[in-house]
Amino acid sequence: MALLRRFPLLAYMLALLSMFGFTWATQNFSLMAFAFLATAVSWWLVEASDGPPIPRWIITFAVLVDALILACELIVFHQPNLILALGHFIVGLILCKLYEVKTNRDYGQILILTLLLVLSTAILTTSAIFAITLVCYLGLGLYVSLVFHLRCETQRALLQHAASDRAMLMIGQNPVMARDIRRIFWGSAITLFVFASFVFVLFPRSGMPGILANWRIHGQQTQTGFTNHVRLGRNGTLRQSNAIVAEISLSENGKNIGGVAYQPYFAGSILDVYDAHTREWIHSTPVERRARTYTVHAGRPLVLIPSGPHTYAVDQLIVQRVRLNLISHTANIFAISPVVTLSSHDIHNVVRQPNGMLLSISPHTRHLQYTVASPRRYNPLLLGASQPHLFPTYYSYEPFEPQATFVVRSSPIPAVVAKMARKIVGKLLVKRRKAIHKAALDEEIAARFCNYLKTNYHYSFHMTPIDIRLDPTVDFLLNKQKVGGYCEYFASAMIMFCRSVGIPARMVTGYHGGDYNRIAGYYVVRQKFAHTWVQVWIPGLGWRTFDPSPASSLTSVEAPRRWYSSIAQFFQWIRLQWLQDIVAFNAIMRTQIIHYVLFMAKTTLFAALNEVRAALMALRNWLMHRRTGWFPKIVAAAMAIISLILIGWFTYRRRRRKTSVLPKILQGLDAKTHRQLRRDLAFFDRLMRILQKTGSLKTTAQTPLEYVNQVIHTRQDVAPEAAELVHIFYELRFGHTAMNPSLHQSINARLKAVEAYFRQKRVKPI
């Protein structure tokens, strides 16, 4: 059979699919190339070649080498991920099995090994690409299993004694078997899919990771693109990563406002203290104000800026829907600053630092989803002592000492930096000292500092200090105009400039924009978009954002679109939907789905009942109306009766066809021959029904000749007529005999003889 001849190819495809899923999930592309090459060579040597088989001792030696590699990986190299090491071992076993001359037992072992490899991969990753591979594997695996079962049964049947008519019945049955396998495949696939969906919806995963969560690939690694502190003066080169940190969509008044041209700043950490000894920027921990913890209730927004007569209007807020890959157990909440409201099913508690930085304390999970709302600008009426978390935090240093809600000591500004700042602003500093309202002058001075750094210094990813005796910021300002630095140096320099003239400023770390997905309308924020900028306090306006880094540093600027951009964005959208709706599925989402399904079912049922009720009411009104004569009523009644008769007749025909044995015998024939033989062999259906009255029922596996031999063994008195009718059936179906009037009369006579016997004497089942 052609179907069975394709089985080795299907088994090889299944092995390749499982190895592709594992190597893709582990990002081991060298192993992927080796596995594909080794599989192709094994097909050429074992399946496509007529040469001698590979000696058994070579394959055994390869298995021992594979086991030795596993031992070295676990003992010598201390591989912490046991599932990953076992996956490598299983890949080696599959490749060894492919080089054998395979029997059914070997093919069965290959199928089991591929299943184990896919299961281990499912533990290691939550990749959407692997999810697609898993669906393909399950579909192909089900089909291969059915063909493998047919292969085993066929070989078993060839070893047993078969009836003489089996060869005739197998004529033209290849397409029939292929169609039956396809029907069983789709039936099983749909049934398993429905069952899996039922289990998935009714038994969702909890927020806890499970016993295998620590064996996921990269599950415990820290993102390198963002940090809660900035350390200056390090050596080396800043390396960027394309790893995805978050997917963020923006909307205002229900309208998506995202785009390539609009690249917002998503703040994560606020750093307002500089330690000259460690050369680090860190966030303040003032004694006067402590961090505050809030409880987030599912389905209810947490108001972080209390509502009042001067609260932000809804149409003034930018709503950000964020799906964040966790950085650590305590995760920064990235959002446009400041955050007014927050809602989430994943976050249980939120910690707000005195400087406004938000941290989430959530269960151990790899992803967080939350929605926050932020205004485009601070509301000046909300600034002041009533909202201390919006009030500036800055520091005391000579010669300027602005008033503040509380004071946190920071390292003094170097004198050379203060001198440069006064030189840059010039006469504006004198005006500021004399002015009563300093907001406009402060903003102008901050803008001048920002433009000075942008235009006079280059951006560079190299982190080599010129003079290690100097503070890194001073070294940058004095010695790196041509060498340049990265965003942290620009931000540190601007903060020192502002503070040296008495303007409060602080450093903000987070992400600047991202790759905008035009298809789904959201930003794909990657590690390489990690950025540092400055917030300057302007009286009456609040914290204003300034970015002193040159435009060349912004890795999220619009790039030329390629022909494959839409395809890449589509797969990004698929990945986001997979992570949001499948990987992150929990009990709350389960409840929402069940409520929605019940609501839709109830609505549909009531709508259908209303339609039926309206139709019956219209029919009743038509029948009871005085203008409706007797003739239309008689016609309507006649049509109803005819409809019932037709329904009964079609039901009877369908039932007869379902119990008939002819459709299976005539499968695979062309339509014209099928119709002709169905008319000619109608007597055979009658004969089968008559013989079944003896109590001996025909099984699915029996041929007509085998069934008649069984009846002959039990009922000698009906055997002659039945045997002759079966002989005629074989002549008409497989021989060269054609139906003619005399043969038709002979068939009817024999059928009447058999039927007459059963009318005279009912036989009890034996």
Foldseek 3Di string as FASTA:
>chain_A
DVLLVCLVVLLLVLLLLLQVLQCVQQVPVVVNVVLVVLSVVLCVQAPVDPDDADDPVVLVVQLVVLVVVLVCVCPVVVPVQNLNSVLSSLSSVLSSLSRGNDDLVSSVVNLVSSVSSLVSSVLAHLFLVSVVSVVVSVLSSLLSVLSSVVVVVVVVVVVDDDDPCPVVLCVLCPVVVVVVSVVVSVVVVVVVVVVVVVCCLVPPDAQAQPPSNVNYPCLAAAQPLFDQKDAAQDFDFDDFDQAFFKWKWKDAPRHTPDDQVDKAFWFFYWFAAADLVRRMTHHDQDPVDHKDKDFADAPDKDFPQDDDPQDDDRNQKMKMKMKGFARHQKGTDIDHPDWGIKHFPFFGMWIAGLLRTIITRGHSDGIGIMMTIDGPFDQLVSDDDVCSNLWDEHADDPPADDDGPDHDHHDHQDPVLLVVLCVQLPCLLVVCVPDPQCQVSLVVSLVSLLQCLQPQAAEGRGRHFDDPVDSSLVSCVPPHSPVHYHQVSSAVSSCSSSVSSPWHKIKTWDFIGAAALPVVRIHRTGSLRIHMWMWTQRNSTTTDTGRSHHPVSHPSRDDDDDPCSNVVSVVVVSRVCSCPPPVPDDNVVSVVVVVVVVVVVVVVVVVVVVVVVVVVVVVVCQVPPPPNDPVVVVVVVVVVVVVVVVVVVVVVVVVLVVPAPLVSSPPSDDPVVSVQLCVVCVLVRVLQVLLCLQVQHDDPPDDLVRSLVVSCVVDVVLNPLSVVSVVVNCCPSPNDDDDDVVVVVVSVVSSVVSVVVCVVDRHDHD
